């Protein structure tokens, strides 16, 4: 009886062990499957049409040129993309604090910014303009004594500080804020990228522009934390998109004009 009972117990224990082992393995498979749903967080400032903006006509989704590129790169790298919207001037701080994994916001990799972040290859080039309601403003010299609006922390802020002399530079967080200040006459002009200015020029026939001649090429790139291997992975996928013409297709979609992708 004792031997028979002992054998029965051993058999039951063996069966229990097999069952437990099966549960552990299944749990491991679930964990592996979960890794396929990796999330990568992108920081942006969704006030920069057509690069990134809130599609209010269809809800509150953030869409645009940068968003299409980021989604495609993330997909090709095996990530689900999550977007965090914040003021432009806060982006690199959020990046280095680990709140986002990378930044795309029509950002130009200036030497100052390179001190705090590593940048991807440039994926799009553009031209900067002076936009105003005063058609007598035709050169940088005409801006002396004027109030010039710029987005806080932007490449345009640096251009204004470096190239516009004897003028008051007014830095604000959002592009629409600056446009409104121009319309009400509290600001005389602003520095703005041509692709972004197009929307406002189409909406208001009183607005006028002239081009700022800049010897240095102004282009957009994604920002990453220093020595982050993610930057190299991102560059690989970005190069494929540039070579295949996908970047140009996205540019034509959002800018409705001949694209100027990086070579």
C-alpha atoms as a PDB file:
ATOM      1  CA  UNK A   1       0.000   0.000   0.000  1.00  0.00           C
ATOM      2  CA  UNK A   2       2.748   2.414   1.001  1.00  0.00           C
ATOM      3  CA  UNK A   3       4.779   1.617  -2.152  1.00  0.00           C
ATOM      4  CA  UNK A   4       1.700   2.015  -4.332  1.00  0.00           C
ATOM      5  CA  UNK A   5       0.764   5.303  -2.679  1.00  0.00           C
ATOM      6  CA  UNK A   6       4.356   6.576  -3.038  1.00  0.00           C
ATOM      7  CA  UNK A   7       4.391   5.691  -6.739  1.00  0.00           C
ATOM      8  CA  UNK A   8       1.116   7.479  -7.243  1.00  0.00           C
ATOM      9  CA  UNK A   9       2.453  10.602  -5.507  1.00  0.00           C
ATOM     10  CA  UNK A  10       5.623  10.577  -7.619  1.00  0.00           C
ATOM     11  CA  UNK A  11       3.596  10.217 -10.787  1.00  0.00           C
ATOM     12  CA  UNK A  12       1.386  13.102  -9.762  1.00  0.00           C
ATOM     13  CA  UNK A  13       4.401  15.261  -8.916  1.00  0.00           C
ATOM     14  CA  UNK A  14       5.949  14.524 -12.306  1.00  0.00           C
ATOM     15  CA  UNK A  15       2.745  15.468 -14.079  1.00  0.00           C
ATOM     16  CA  UNK A  16       2.536  18.717 -12.061  1.00  0.00           C
ATOM     17  CA  UNK A  17       6.152  19.554 -12.966  1.00  0.00           C
ATOM     18  CA  UNK A  18       5.478  19.017 -16.673  1.00  0.00           C
ATOM     19  CA  UNK A  19       2.410  21.231 -16.462  1.00  0.00           C
ATOM     20  CA  UNK A  20       4.371  23.977 -14.675  1.00  0.00           C
ATOM     21  CA  UNK A  21       7.156  23.742 -17.223  1.00  0.00           C
ATOM     22  CA  UNK A  22       4.633  24.157 -20.022  1.00  0.00           C
ATOM     23  CA  UNK A  23       3.226  27.291 -18.336  1.00  0.00           C
ATOM     24  CA  UNK A  24       6.696  28.821 -17.980  1.00  0.00           C
ATOM     25  CA  UNK A  25       7.520  28.223 -21.636  1.00  0.00           C
ATOM     26  CA  UNK A  26       4.204  29.670 -22.745  1.00  0.00           C
ATOM     27  CA  UNK A  27       4.851  32.702 -20.585  1.00  0.00           C
ATOM     28  CA  UNK A  28       8.228  33.139 -22.279  1.00  0.00           C
ATOM     29  CA  UNK A  29       6.581  33.030 -25.693  1.00  0.00           C
ATOM     30  CA  UNK A  30       4.138  35.738 -24.660  1.00  0.00           C
ATOM     31  CA  UNK A  31       7.022  37.918 -23.487  1.00  0.00           C
ATOM     32  CA  UNK A  32       8.794  37.434 -26.792  1.00  0.00           C
ATOM     33  CA  UNK A  33       5.656  38.370 -28.668  1.00  0.00           C
ATOM     34  CA  UNK A  34       5.377  41.465 -26.494  1.00  0.00           C
ATOM     35  CA  UNK A  35       8.832  42.590 -27.620  1.00  0.00           C
ATOM     36  CA  UNK A  36       7.436  42.879 -31.136  1.00  0.00           C
ATOM     37  CA  UNK A  37       5.336  45.782 -29.849  1.00  0.00           C
ATOM     38  CA  UNK A  38       8.315  47.955 -28.914  1.00  0.00           C
ATOM     39  CA  UNK A  39       7.486  51.631 -28.518  1.00  0.00           C
ATOM     40  CA  UNK A  40       9.712  54.538 -29.523  1.00  0.00           C
ATOM     41  CA  UNK A  41       8.822  58.049 -28.329  1.00  0.00           C
ATOM     42  CA  UNK A  42       9.284  61.062 -30.582  1.00  0.00           C
ATOM     43  CA  UNK A  43       9.251  64.625 -29.255  1.00  0.00           C
ATOM     44  CA  UNK A  44       7.892  67.372 -31.503  1.00  0.00           C
ATOM     45  CA  UNK A  45       6.284  70.813 -31.478  1.00  0.00           C
ATOM     46  CA  UNK A  46       3.042  70.459 -33.413  1.00  0.00           C
ATOM     47  CA  UNK A  47       2.671  74.071 -34.544  1.00  0.00           C
ATOM     48  CA  UNK A  48       4.923  73.915 -37.584  1.00  0.00           C
ATOM     49  CA  UNK A  49       2.764  73.252 -40.647  1.00  0.00           C
ATOM     50  CA  UNK A  50       3.385  71.257 -42.794  1.00  0.00           C
ATOM     51  CA  UNK A  51       6.135  69.487 -40.812  1.00  0.00           C
ATOM     52  CA  UNK A  52       3.979  68.695 -37.774  1.00  0.00           C
ATOM     53  CA  UNK A  53       0.589  70.094 -36.784  1.00  0.00           C
ATOM     54  CA  UNK A  54      -2.694  69.087 -35.177  1.00  0.00           C
ATOM     55  CA  UNK A  55      -5.302  67.998 -37.735  1.00  0.00           C
ATOM     56  CA  UNK A  56      -8.215  69.805 -36.061  1.00  0.00           C
ATOM     57  CA  UNK A  57     -10.502  69.011 -39.006  1.00  0.00           C
ATOM     58  CA  UNK A  58     -10.360  65.334 -38.091  1.00  0.00           C
ATOM     59  CA  UNK A  59      -9.827  65.409 -34.333  1.00  0.00           C
ATOM     60  CA  UNK A  60      -6.575  66.023 -32.506  1.00  0.00           C
ATOM     61  CA  UNK A  61      -4.172  63.739 -34.397  1.00  0.00           C
ATOM     62  CA  UNK A  62      -0.701  65.136 -35.050  1.00  0.00           C
ATOM     63  CA  UNK A  63       0.166  64.788 -38.745  1.00  0.00           C
ATOM     64  CA  UNK A  64       2.648  66.206 -41.239  1.00  0.00           C
ATOM     65  CA  UNK A  65       5.829  65.674 -43.219  1.00  0.00           C
ATOM     66  CA  UNK A  66       8.023  64.794 -40.231  1.00  0.00           C
ATOM     67  CA  UNK A  67       5.307  62.530 -38.821  1.00  0.00           C
ATOM     68  CA  UNK A  68       5.066  60.485 -42.024  1.00  0.00           C
ATOM     69  CA  UNK A  69       8.843  60.033 -42.105  1.00  0.00           C
ATOM     70  CA  UNK A  70       9.043  59.107 -38.412  1.00  0.00           C
ATOM     71  CA  UNK A  71       6.200  56.583 -38.684  1.00  0.00           C
ATOM     72  CA  UNK A  72       7.803  54.891 -41.686  1.00  0.00           C
ATOM     73  CA  UNK A  73      11.272  54.747 -40.105  1.00  0.00           C
ATOM     74  CA  UNK A  74       9.836  53.440 -36.818  1.00  0.00           C
ATOM     75  CA  UNK A  75       7.851  50.771 -38.657  1.00  0.00           C
ATOM     76  CA  UNK A  76      10.910  49.635 -40.602  1.00  0.00           C
ATOM     77  CA  UNK A  77      12.893  49.450 -37.346  1.00  0.00           C
ATOM     78  CA  UNK A  78      10.170  47.366 -35.690  1.00  0.00           C
ATOM     79  CA  UNK A  79       8.793  50.060 -33.378  1.00  0.00           C
ATOM     80  CA  UNK A  80       5.402  51.527 -32.651  1.00  0.00           C
ATOM     81  CA  UNK A  81       5.702  55.323 -32.733  1.00  0.00           C
ATOM     82  CA  UNK A  82       4.382  57.448 -29.851  1.00  0.00           C
ATOM     83  CA  UNK A  83       4.387  61.239 -30.219  1.00  0.00           C
ATOM     84  CA  UNK A  84       4.856  63.749 -27.393  1.00  0.00           C
ATOM     85  CA  UNK A  85       3.911  67.356 -28.207  1.00  0.00           C
ATOM     86  CA  UNK A  86       5.654  70.226 -26.377  1.00  0.00           C
ATOM     87  CA  UNK A  87       7.107  73.704 -26.894  1.00  0.00           C
ATOM     88  CA  UNK A  88       9.995  73.760 -29.361  1.00  0.00           C
ATOM     89  CA  UNK A  89      12.395  75.199 -26.788  1.00  0.00           C
ATOM     90  CA  UNK A  90      11.773  72.237 -24.471  1.00  0.00           C
ATOM     91  CA  UNK A  91      12.557  69.486 -26.964  1.00  0.00           C
ATOM     92  CA  UNK A  92      16.285  68.935 -26.435  1.00  0.00           C
ATOM     93  CA  UNK A  93      15.847  69.175 -22.676  1.00  0.00           C
ATOM     94  CA  UNK A  94      13.175  66.455 -22.819  1.00  0.00           C
ATOM     95  CA  UNK A  95      15.477  64.369 -25.008  1.00  0.00           C
ATOM     96  CA  UNK A  96      18.407  64.518 -22.606  1.00  0.00           C
ATOM     97  CA  UNK A  97      16.115  63.927 -19.618  1.00  0.00           C
ATOM     98  CA  UNK A  98      14.991  60.660 -21.239  1.00  0.00           C
ATOM     99  CA  UNK A  99      11.357  61.697 -21.667  1.00  0.00           C
ATOM    100  CA  UNK A 100      11.591  61.121 -25.429  1.00  0.00           C
ATOM    101  CA  UNK A 101      13.863  58.874 -27.526  1.00  0.00           C
ATOM    102  CA  UNK A 102      14.393  61.305 -30.401  1.00  0.00           C
ATOM    103  CA  UNK A 103      13.189  64.649 -31.724  1.00  0.00           C
ATOM    104  CA  UNK A 104      11.798  65.621 -35.119  1.00  0.00           C
ATOM    105  CA  UNK A 105      10.485  69.168 -35.464  1.00  0.00           C
ATOM    106  CA  UNK A 106      11.953  70.686 -38.621  1.00  0.00           C
ATOM    107  CA  UNK A 107      15.097  71.135 -36.522  1.00  0.00           C
ATOM    108  CA  UNK A 108      18.366  72.378 -38.019  1.00  0.00           C
ATOM    109  CA  UNK A 109      21.555  70.837 -36.523  1.00  0.00           C
ATOM    110  CA  UNK A 110      23.396  74.007 -35.544  1.00  0.00           C
ATOM    111  CA  UNK A 111      26.796  73.855 -33.858  1.00  0.00           C
ATOM    112  CA  UNK A 112      25.222  74.928 -30.560  1.00  0.00           C
ATOM    113  CA  UNK A 113      22.628  72.143 -30.718  1.00  0.00           C
ATOM    114  CA  UNK A 114      25.306  69.596 -31.606  1.00  0.00           C
ATOM    115  CA  UNK A 115      26.849  70.242 -28.201  1.00  0.00           C
ATOM    116  CA  UNK A 116      23.743  68.720 -26.591  1.00  0.00           C
ATOM    117  CA  UNK A 117      22.620  66.121 -29.128  1.00  0.00           C
ATOM    118  CA  UNK A 118      23.690  63.930 -32.044  1.00  0.00           C
ATOM    119  CA  UNK A 119      21.803  64.481 -35.290  1.00  0.00           C
ATOM    120  CA  UNK A 120      20.730  62.265 -38.136  1.00  0.00           C
ATOM    121  CA  UNK A 121      21.602  63.056 -41.728  1.00  0.00           C
ATOM    122  CA  UNK A 122      19.744  66.076 -43.118  1.00  0.00           C
ATOM    123  CA  UNK A 123      16.577  64.864 -44.820  1.00  0.00           C
ATOM    124  CA  UNK A 124      15.182  68.136 -46.198  1.00  0.00           C
ATOM    125  CA  UNK A 125      16.516  71.589 -47.064  1.00  0.00           C
ATOM    126  CA  UNK A 126      14.600  74.863 -47.052  1.00  0.00           C
ATOM    127  CA  UNK A 127      14.895  78.645 -47.331  1.00  0.00           C
ATOM    128  CA  UNK A 128      14.195  81.252 -44.640  1.00  0.00           C
ATOM    129  CA  UNK A 129      12.072  84.337 -45.304  1.00  0.00           C
ATOM    130  CA  UNK A 130      11.068  87.599 -43.677  1.00  0.00           C
ATOM    131  CA  UNK A 131       7.265  87.736 -43.492  1.00  0.00           C
ATOM    132  CA  UNK A 132       5.317  90.907 -42.725  1.00  0.00           C
ATOM    133  CA  UNK A 133       2.281  93.026 -43.633  1.00  0.00           C
ATOM    134  CA  UNK A 134       4.500  95.939 -44.698  1.00  0.00           C
ATOM    135  CA  UNK A 135       5.514  95.665 -48.364  1.00  0.00           C
ATOM    136  CA  UNK A 136       8.063  98.445 -47.866  1.00  0.00           C
ATOM    137  CA  UNK A 137      10.247  95.924 -46.000  1.00  0.00           C
ATOM    138  CA  UNK A 138      12.413  94.520 -48.778  1.00  0.00           C
ATOM    139  CA  UNK A 139      15.804  93.927 -47.121  1.00  0.00           C
ATOM    140  CA  UNK A 140      17.389  93.223 -43.766  1.00  0.00           C
ATOM    141  CA  UNK A 141      18.459  96.866 -43.585  1.00  0.00           C
ATOM    142  CA  UNK A 142      14.780  97.885 -43.686  1.00  0.00           C
ATOM    143  CA  UNK A 143      14.228  96.002 -40.412  1.00  0.00           C
ATOM    144  CA  UNK A 144      16.260  98.417 -38.294  1.00  0.00           C
ATOM    145  CA  UNK A 145      14.179  99.676 -35.376  1.00  0.00           C
ATOM    146  CA  UNK A 146      11.466  97.062 -36.022  1.00  0.00           C
ATOM    147  CA  UNK A 147      10.095  94.291 -33.819  1.00  0.00           C
ATOM    148  CA  UNK A 148      10.968  90.900 -35.317  1.00  0.00           C
ATOM    149  CA  UNK A 149       9.155  87.763 -34.156  1.00  0.00           C
ATOM    150  CA  UNK A 150      10.826  84.357 -33.966  1.00  0.00           C
ATOM    151  CA  UNK A 151       9.974  80.980 -32.463  1.00  0.00           C
ATOM    152  CA  UNK A 152      11.784  80.450 -29.181  1.00  0.00           C
ATOM    153  CA  UNK A 153      14.761  78.101 -29.580  1.00  0.00           C
ATOM    154  CA  UNK A 154      14.429  77.869 -33.361  1.00  0.00           C
ATOM    155  CA  UNK A 155      17.069  78.283 -36.067  1.00  0.00           C
ATOM    156  CA  UNK A 156      15.143  81.412 -37.103  1.00  0.00           C
ATOM    157  CA  UNK A 157      15.810  82.929 -33.681  1.00  0.00           C
ATOM    158  CA  UNK A 158      19.544  82.494 -34.264  1.00  0.00           C
ATOM    159  CA  UNK A 159      19.315  83.951 -37.776  1.00  0.00           C
ATOM    160  CA  UNK A 160      17.509  87.016 -36.465  1.00  0.00           C
ATOM    161  CA  UNK A 161      20.052  87.552 -33.699  1.00  0.00           C
ATOM    162  CA  UNK A 162      23.000  87.109 -36.065  1.00  0.00           C
ATOM    163  CA  UNK A 163      21.810  88.898 -39.201  1.00  0.00           C
ATOM    164  CA  UNK A 164      19.249  91.528 -38.182  1.00  0.00           C
ATOM    165  CA  UNK A 165      20.961  94.480 -36.496  1.00  0.00           C
ATOM    166  CA  UNK A 166      19.394  97.313 -34.506  1.00  0.00           C
ATOM    167  CA  UNK A 167      16.038  95.525 -34.223  1.00  0.00           C
ATOM    168  CA  UNK A 168      14.079  94.166 -31.261  1.00  0.00           C
ATOM    169  CA  UNK A 169      13.865  90.352 -31.380  1.00  0.00           C
ATOM    170  CA  UNK A 170      10.651  88.993 -29.843  1.00  0.00           C
ATOM    171  CA  UNK A 171      10.756  85.264 -29.055  1.00  0.00           C
ATOM    172  CA  UNK A 172       7.450  83.402 -28.660  1.00  0.00           C
ATOM    173  CA  UNK A 173       6.625  79.702 -28.277  1.00  0.00           C
ATOM    174  CA  UNK A 174       4.256  79.135 -31.212  1.00  0.00           C
ATOM    175  CA  UNK A 175       4.280  80.170 -34.884  1.00  0.00           C
ATOM    176  CA  UNK A 176       0.541  81.038 -34.896  1.00  0.00           C
ATOM    177  CA  UNK A 177       1.154  83.400 -31.957  1.00  0.00           C
ATOM    178  CA  UNK A 178       3.736  85.324 -33.998  1.00  0.00           C
ATOM    179  CA  UNK A 179       1.456  85.476 -37.058  1.00  0.00           C
ATOM    180  CA  UNK A 180      -1.318  86.893 -34.876  1.00  0.00           C
ATOM    181  CA  UNK A 181       1.051  89.506 -33.442  1.00  0.00           C
ATOM    182  CA  UNK A 182       1.931  90.607 -36.999  1.00  0.00           C
ATOM    183  CA  UNK A 183      -1.734  90.836 -37.983  1.00  0.00           C
ATOM    184  CA  UNK A 184      -2.524  93.015 -34.952  1.00  0.00           C
ATOM    185  CA  UNK A 185       0.532  95.215 -35.566  1.00  0.00           C
ATOM    186  CA  UNK A 186       2.311  94.412 -32.294  1.00  0.00           C
ATOM    187  CA  UNK A 187       5.169  92.833 -34.279  1.00  0.00           C
ATOM    188  CA  UNK A 188       6.456  94.213 -37.596  1.00  0.00           C
ATOM    189  CA  UNK A 189       7.835  91.050 -39.181  1.00  0.00           C
ATOM    190  CA  UNK A 190       9.050  87.525 -38.483  1.00  0.00           C
ATOM    191  CA  UNK A 191      11.671  85.039 -39.662  1.00  0.00           C
ATOM    192  CA  UNK A 192       9.991  81.899 -41.013  1.00  0.00           C
ATOM    193  CA  UNK A 193      10.814  78.930 -43.239  1.00  0.00           C
ATOM    194  CA  UNK A 194       9.405  79.161 -46.779  1.00  0.00           C
ATOM    195  CA  UNK A 195       7.472  75.884 -46.604  1.00  0.00           C
ATOM    196  CA  UNK A 196       5.811  76.986 -43.369  1.00  0.00           C
ATOM    197  CA  UNK A 197       5.109  80.514 -44.657  1.00  0.00           C
ATOM    198  CA  UNK A 198       3.235  79.188 -47.690  1.00  0.00           C
ATOM    199  CA  UNK A 199       0.119  78.304 -45.682  1.00  0.00           C
ATOM    200  CA  UNK A 200      -0.142  81.772 -44.126  1.00  0.00           C
ATOM    201  CA  UNK A 201       0.524  83.563 -47.429  1.00  0.00           C
ATOM    202  CA  UNK A 202      -2.320  81.626 -49.039  1.00  0.00           C
ATOM    203  CA  UNK A 203      -4.664  82.532 -46.176  1.00  0.00           C
ATOM    204  CA  UNK A 204      -3.885  86.256 -46.048  1.00  0.00           C
ATOM    205  CA  UNK A 205      -3.157  88.304 -49.169  1.00  0.00           C
ATOM    206  CA  UNK A 206      -1.851  91.212 -47.050  1.00  0.00           C
ATOM    207  CA  UNK A 207       1.207  89.212 -46.011  1.00  0.00           C
ATOM    208  CA  UNK A 208       4.413  89.646 -48.000  1.00  0.00           C
ATOM    209  CA  UNK A 209       7.898  88.097 -47.878  1.00  0.00           C
ATOM    210  CA  UNK A 210      11.472  88.370 -49.034  1.00  0.00           C
ATOM    211  CA  UNK A 211      14.237  85.774 -48.851  1.00  0.00           C
ATOM    212  CA  UNK A 212      17.127  85.836 -46.412  1.00  0.00           C
ATOM    213  CA  UNK A 213      20.335  84.977 -48.239  1.00  0.00           C
ATOM    214  CA  UNK A 214      22.260  82.553 -46.042  1.00  0.00           C
ATOM    215  CA  UNK A 215      25.602  81.070 -47.045  1.00  0.00           C
ATOM    216  CA  UNK A 216      25.040  78.080 -44.758  1.00  0.00           C
ATOM    217  CA  UNK A 217      22.553  75.436 -45.887  1.00  0.00           C
ATOM    218  CA  UNK A 218      19.538  75.224 -43.571  1.00  0.00           C
ATOM    219  CA  UNK A 219      18.238  71.684 -43.353  1.00  0.00           C
ATOM    220  CA  UNK A 220      16.125  69.493 -41.092  1.00  0.00           C
ATOM    221  CA  UNK A 221      17.454  66.509 -39.131  1.00  0.00           C
ATOM    222  CA  UNK A 222      16.345  64.284 -36.229  1.00  0.00           C
ATOM    223  CA  UNK A 223      18.040  64.711 -32.822  1.00  0.00           C
ATOM    224  CA  UNK A 224      19.214  61.901 -30.530  1.00  0.00           C
ATOM    225  CA  UNK A 225      21.001  61.696 -27.203  1.00  0.00           C
ATOM    226  CA  UNK A 226      24.782  61.755 -27.423  1.00  0.00           C
ATOM    227  CA  UNK A 227      26.334  58.409 -28.508  1.00  0.00           C
ATOM    228  CA  UNK A 228      22.895  56.788 -28.874  1.00  0.00           C
ATOM    229  CA  UNK A 229      23.109  53.827 -31.293  1.00  0.00           C
ATOM    230  CA  UNK A 230      19.521  54.555 -32.268  1.00  0.00           C
ATOM    231  CA  UNK A 231      20.808  57.439 -34.390  1.00  0.00           C
ATOM    232  CA  UNK A 232      22.790  55.076 -36.657  1.00  0.00           C
ATOM    233  CA  UNK A 233      19.813  52.715 -37.049  1.00  0.00           C
ATOM    234  CA  UNK A 234      17.606  55.689 -37.885  1.00  0.00           C
ATOM    235  CA  UNK A 235      20.125  56.934 -40.458  1.00  0.00           C
ATOM    236  CA  UNK A 236      20.160  53.565 -42.225  1.00  0.00           C
ATOM    237  CA  UNK A 237      16.408  53.651 -42.743  1.00  0.00           C
ATOM    238  CA  UNK A 238      16.445  57.360 -43.594  1.00  0.00           C
ATOM    239  CA  UNK A 239      19.041  56.809 -46.334  1.00  0.00           C
ATOM    240  CA  UNK A 240      16.906  54.055 -47.854  1.00  0.00           C
ATOM    241  CA  UNK A 241      13.952  56.452 -47.981  1.00  0.00           C
ATOM    242  CA  UNK A 242      16.027  59.228 -49.555  1.00  0.00           C
ATOM    243  CA  UNK A 243      17.511  56.853 -52.154  1.00  0.00           C
ATOM    244  CA  UNK A 244      14.129  55.306 -52.999  1.00  0.00           C
ATOM    245  CA  UNK A 245      12.433  58.684 -53.424  1.00  0.00           C
ATOM    246  CA  UNK A 246      10.037  58.207 -50.484  1.00  0.00           C
ATOM    247  CA  UNK A 247      11.183  61.424 -48.805  1.00  0.00           C
ATOM    248  CA  UNK A 248      10.493  63.335 -52.018  1.00  0.00           C
ATOM    249  CA  UNK A 249       7.030  61.748 -52.266  1.00  0.00           C
ATOM    250  CA  UNK A 250       6.217  62.817 -48.707  1.00  0.00           C
ATOM    251  CA  UNK A 251       7.515  66.321 -49.458  1.00  0.00           C
ATOM    252  CA  UNK A 252       5.351  66.628 -52.570  1.00  0.00           C
ATOM    253  CA  UNK A 253       2.358  65.384 -50.567  1.00  0.00           C
ATOM    254  CA  UNK A 254       2.758  67.988 -47.814  1.00  0.00           C
ATOM    255  CA  UNK A 255       4.381  70.931 -49.602  1.00  0.00           C
ATOM    256  CA  UNK A 256       2.535  70.553 -52.927  1.00  0.00           C
ATOM    257  CA  UNK A 257       5.620  71.609 -54.821  1.00  0.00           C
ATOM    258  CA  UNK A 258       8.866  70.192 -56.121  1.00  0.00           C
ATOM    259  CA  UNK A 259      10.740  68.759 -53.171  1.00  0.00           C
ATOM    260  CA  UNK A 260      14.315  69.591 -52.233  1.00  0.00           C
ATOM    261  CA  UNK A 261      15.429  66.413 -50.461  1.00  0.00           C
ATOM    262  CA  UNK A 262      18.952  66.148 -49.128  1.00  0.00           C
ATOM    263  CA  UNK A 263      21.390  64.572 -51.547  1.00  0.00           C
END
